[in-house]
């Protein structure tokens, strides 16, 4: 059903039992509020992880560029040696 749940060993029957317990605990009126809060939390987490990934990629690109610039500067012929 859900690959993530199968990876941690939760089948469809267990998922239905968990959902029934949640429904009994919180009731039908609070369930949409909980789902909305969970959705917002997941969205914030995804946005933060994407921002962190972009920052890491930018830093790696900057380091690569600096290394290329240094290599290019070192490969330029030097003038006559100073005595």
N, C-alpha and C. Protein backbone atom coordinates (compact mmCIF):
# COMPACT_ATOMS: atom_id res chain seq x y z
N UNK A 1 0.83 -1.18 0.00
CA UNK A 1 0.00 0.00 0.00
C UNK A 1 0.88 1.25 0.00
N UNK A 2 1.59 1.49 1.10
CA UNK A 2 2.52 2.61 1.18
C UNK A 2 3.91 2.03 1.34
N UNK A 3 4.83 2.33 0.41
CA UNK A 3 6.18 1.75 0.49
C UNK A 3 6.92 2.11 1.78
N UNK A 4 6.71 3.32 2.28
CA UNK A 4 7.40 3.72 3.51
C UNK A 4 6.93 2.89 4.68
N UNK A 5 5.62 2.67 4.76
CA UNK A 5 5.08 1.87 5.85
C UNK A 5 5.50 0.42 5.73
N UNK A 6 5.60 -0.08 4.50
CA UNK A 6 6.06 -1.46 4.31
C UNK A 6 7.51 -1.59 4.74
N UNK A 7 8.30 -0.55 4.55
CA UNK A 7 9.71 -0.59 4.93
C UNK A 7 9.88 -0.69 6.44
N UNK A 8 8.95 -0.11 7.20
CA UNK A 8 9.07 -0.19 8.66
C UNK A 8 8.18 -1.28 9.24
N UNK A 9 7.54 -2.06 8.38
CA UNK A 9 6.80 -3.23 8.83
C UNK A 9 5.37 -2.97 9.25
N UNK A 10 4.74 -1.92 8.74
CA UNK A 10 3.34 -1.66 9.06
C UNK A 10 2.51 -1.99 7.82
N UNK A 11 1.58 -2.91 7.99
CA UNK A 11 0.70 -3.29 6.89
C UNK A 11 -0.58 -2.48 6.90
N UNK A 12 -1.47 -2.80 5.98
CA UNK A 12 -2.71 -2.05 5.87
C UNK A 12 -3.62 -2.26 7.08
N UNK A 13 -3.62 -3.46 7.64
CA UNK A 13 -4.45 -3.72 8.83
C UNK A 13 -3.97 -2.89 10.01
N UNK A 14 -2.67 -2.87 10.23
CA UNK A 14 -2.13 -2.08 11.33
C UNK A 14 -2.41 -0.60 11.14
N UNK A 15 -2.31 -0.14 9.90
CA UNK A 15 -2.60 1.27 9.61
C UNK A 15 -4.05 1.61 9.92
N UNK A 16 -4.97 0.72 9.56
CA UNK A 16 -6.39 0.97 9.86
C UNK A 16 -6.64 0.99 11.37
N UNK A 17 -5.98 0.13 12.12
CA UNK A 17 -6.13 0.12 13.57
C UNK A 17 -5.60 1.42 14.17
N UNK A 18 -4.46 1.87 13.69
CA UNK A 18 -3.89 3.13 14.19
C UNK A 18 -4.82 4.30 13.88
N UNK A 19 -5.36 4.35 12.67
CA UNK A 19 -6.29 5.42 12.31
C UNK A 19 -7.56 5.36 13.14
N UNK A 20 -8.07 4.17 13.44
CA UNK A 20 -9.27 4.04 14.27
C UNK A 20 -9.00 4.53 15.69
N UNK A 21 -7.83 4.21 16.24
CA UNK A 21 -7.48 4.68 17.58
C UNK A 21 -7.36 6.20 17.61
N UNK A 22 -6.74 6.77 16.58
CA UNK A 22 -6.63 8.23 16.50
C UNK A 22 -8.01 8.87 16.43
N UNK A 23 -8.90 8.27 15.64
CA UNK A 23 -10.26 8.79 15.53
C UNK A 23 -10.98 8.74 16.87
N UNK A 24 -10.80 7.64 17.61
CA UNK A 24 -11.44 7.52 18.93
C UNK A 24 -10.86 8.52 19.93
N UNK A 25 -9.55 8.72 19.87
CA UNK A 25 -8.91 9.62 20.83
C UNK A 25 -9.27 11.08 20.59
N UNK A 26 -9.26 11.51 19.36
CA UNK A 26 -9.42 12.93 19.07
C UNK A 26 -10.80 13.31 18.55
N UNK A 27 -11.55 12.36 18.06
CA UNK A 27 -12.89 12.64 17.57
C UNK A 27 -12.88 13.20 16.16
N UNK A 28 -14.03 13.12 15.50
CA UNK A 28 -14.11 13.55 14.10
C UNK A 28 -13.96 15.06 13.90
N UNK A 29 -14.25 15.85 14.94
CA UNK A 29 -14.15 17.31 14.77
C UNK A 29 -12.71 17.79 14.81
N UNK A 30 -11.88 17.16 15.63
CA UNK A 30 -10.49 17.60 15.77
C UNK A 30 -9.58 16.97 14.72
N UNK A 31 -10.01 15.90 14.08
CA UNK A 31 -9.16 15.20 13.13
C UNK A 31 -8.71 16.09 11.96
N UNK A 32 -9.58 16.88 11.34
CA UNK A 32 -9.11 17.77 10.27
C UNK A 32 -8.09 18.80 10.76
N UNK A 33 -8.28 19.29 11.98
CA UNK A 33 -7.32 20.25 12.53
C UNK A 33 -5.95 19.60 12.71
N UNK A 34 -5.95 18.37 13.20
CA UNK A 34 -4.69 17.65 13.39
C UNK A 34 -4.01 17.38 12.04
N UNK A 35 -4.82 16.99 11.05
CA UNK A 35 -4.26 16.72 9.72
C UNK A 35 -3.68 17.99 9.11
N UNK A 36 -4.36 19.11 9.31
CA UNK A 36 -3.87 20.38 8.78
C UNK A 36 -2.54 20.77 9.45
N UNK A 37 -2.49 20.62 10.76
CA UNK A 37 -1.25 20.92 11.48
C UNK A 37 -0.11 20.02 11.05
N UNK A 38 -0.41 18.75 10.86
CA UNK A 38 0.61 17.80 10.40
C UNK A 38 1.10 18.18 9.01
N UNK A 39 0.17 18.54 8.13
CA UNK A 39 0.53 18.94 6.77
C UNK A 39 1.42 20.17 6.76
N UNK A 40 1.08 21.15 7.60
CA UNK A 40 1.90 22.37 7.68
C UNK A 40 3.29 22.06 8.22
N UNK A 41 3.35 21.18 9.20
CA UNK A 41 4.65 20.80 9.77
C UNK A 41 5.52 20.10 8.73
N UNK A 42 4.92 19.21 7.98
CA UNK A 42 5.68 18.50 6.94
C UNK A 42 6.16 19.48 5.89
N UNK A 43 5.32 20.43 5.49
CA UNK A 43 5.71 21.43 4.50
C UNK A 43 6.87 22.28 4.99
N UNK A 44 6.82 22.70 6.26
CA UNK A 44 7.92 23.49 6.82
C UNK A 44 9.21 22.70 6.84
N UNK A 45 9.12 21.42 7.20
CA UNK A 45 10.30 20.57 7.23
C UNK A 45 10.89 20.42 5.83
N UNK A 46 10.04 20.19 4.83
CA UNK A 46 10.52 20.05 3.46
C UNK A 46 11.17 21.34 2.97
N UNK A 47 10.54 22.47 3.26
CA UNK A 47 11.11 23.76 2.85
C UNK A 47 12.47 23.98 3.50
N UNK A 48 12.58 23.66 4.78
CA UNK A 48 13.86 23.84 5.48
C UNK A 48 14.92 22.91 4.92
N UNK A 49 14.56 21.68 4.61
CA UNK A 49 15.55 20.75 4.08
C UNK A 49 15.98 21.16 2.67
N UNK A 50 15.05 21.69 1.87
CA UNK A 50 15.43 22.18 0.54
C UNK A 50 16.35 23.40 0.65
N UNK A 51 16.06 24.28 1.59
CA UNK A 51 16.91 25.46 1.79
C UNK A 51 18.31 25.04 2.23
N UNK A 52 18.40 24.06 3.11
CA UNK A 52 19.70 23.58 3.56
C UNK A 52 20.46 22.93 2.40
N UNK A 53 19.77 22.18 1.57
CA UNK A 53 20.41 21.55 0.41
C UNK A 53 20.94 22.60 -0.55
N UNK A 54 20.14 23.64 -0.79
CA UNK A 54 20.59 24.71 -1.69
C UNK A 54 21.82 25.40 -1.12
N UNK A 55 21.84 25.64 0.18
CA UNK A 55 22.98 26.30 0.81
C UNK A 55 24.24 25.45 0.70
N UNK A 56 24.10 24.16 0.93
CA UNK A 56 25.26 23.26 0.82
C UNK A 56 25.76 23.24 -0.62
N UNK A 57 24.83 23.13 -1.59
CA UNK A 57 25.24 23.13 -3.00
C UNK A 57 25.95 24.42 -3.37
N UNK A 58 25.44 25.56 -2.89
CA UNK A 58 26.06 26.84 -3.19
C UNK A 58 27.47 26.91 -2.62
N UNK A 59 27.65 26.43 -1.39
CA UNK A 59 28.98 26.44 -0.77
C UNK A 59 29.94 25.53 -1.53
N UNK A 60 29.48 24.36 -1.94
CA UNK A 60 30.33 23.45 -2.70
C UNK A 60 30.71 24.07 -4.03
N UNK A 61 29.75 24.70 -4.70
CA UNK A 61 30.06 25.37 -5.98
C UNK A 61 31.07 26.49 -5.78
N UNK A 62 30.92 27.26 -4.69
CA UNK A 62 31.87 28.33 -4.41
C UNK A 62 33.27 27.77 -4.16
N UNK A 63 33.35 26.66 -3.43
CA UNK A 63 34.66 26.04 -3.18
C UNK A 63 35.29 25.52 -4.46
N UNK A 64 34.48 24.90 -5.32
CA UNK A 64 34.99 24.41 -6.60
C UNK A 64 35.50 25.57 -7.45
N UNK A 65 34.74 26.67 -7.47
CA UNK A 65 35.15 27.83 -8.26
C UNK A 65 36.45 28.41 -7.72
N UNK A 66 36.58 28.50 -6.41
CA UNK A 66 37.80 29.02 -5.81
C UNK A 66 38.98 28.11 -6.13
N UNK A 67 38.75 26.81 -6.11
CA UNK A 67 39.82 25.86 -6.42
C UNK A 67 40.23 26.00 -7.90
N UNK A 68 39.26 26.16 -8.78
CA UNK A 68 39.57 26.34 -10.20
C UNK A 68 40.34 27.64 -10.42
N UNK A 69 39.92 28.70 -9.75
CA UNK A 69 40.62 29.98 -9.88
C UNK A 69 42.06 29.86 -9.39
N UNK A 70 42.24 29.16 -8.27
CA UNK A 70 43.59 28.98 -7.73
C UNK A 70 44.45 28.15 -8.66
N UNK A 71 43.88 27.11 -9.24
CA UNK A 71 44.61 26.27 -10.18
C UNK A 71 44.98 27.07 -11.42
N UNK A 72 44.06 27.89 -11.90
CA UNK A 72 44.32 28.72 -13.08
C UNK A 72 45.41 29.74 -12.77
N UNK A 73 45.39 30.34 -11.59
CA UNK A 73 46.40 31.33 -11.21
C UNK A 73 47.77 30.68 -11.07
N UNK A 74 47.83 29.46 -10.56
CA UNK A 74 49.11 28.77 -10.38
C UNK A 74 49.69 28.26 -11.69
N UNK A 75 48.83 28.07 -12.70
CA UNK A 75 49.33 27.55 -13.97
C UNK A 75 49.81 28.65 -14.91
N UNK A 76 49.58 29.93 -14.58
CA UNK A 76 50.07 31.03 -15.40
C UNK A 76 51.59 31.08 -15.30
N UNK A 77 52.24 31.35 -16.42
CA UNK A 77 53.70 31.45 -16.37
C UNK A 77 54.11 32.64 -15.52
N UNK A 78 55.11 32.41 -14.72
CA UNK A 78 55.62 33.46 -13.87
C UNK A 78 56.67 34.25 -14.63
N UNK A 79 56.88 35.49 -14.22
CA UNK A 79 57.89 36.32 -14.84
C UNK A 79 59.29 35.81 -14.49
N UNK A 80 60.32 36.51 -14.94
CA UNK A 80 61.68 36.05 -14.62
C UNK A 80 61.87 36.01 -13.12
N UNK A 81 62.66 35.07 -12.73
CA UNK A 81 62.93 34.89 -11.29
C UNK A 81 63.71 36.07 -10.75
N UNK A 82 63.39 36.51 -9.60
CA UNK A 82 64.07 37.61 -8.97
C UNK A 82 65.34 37.08 -8.27
N UNK A 83 66.47 37.72 -8.49
CA UNK A 83 67.70 37.22 -7.82
C UNK A 83 67.70 37.48 -6.36
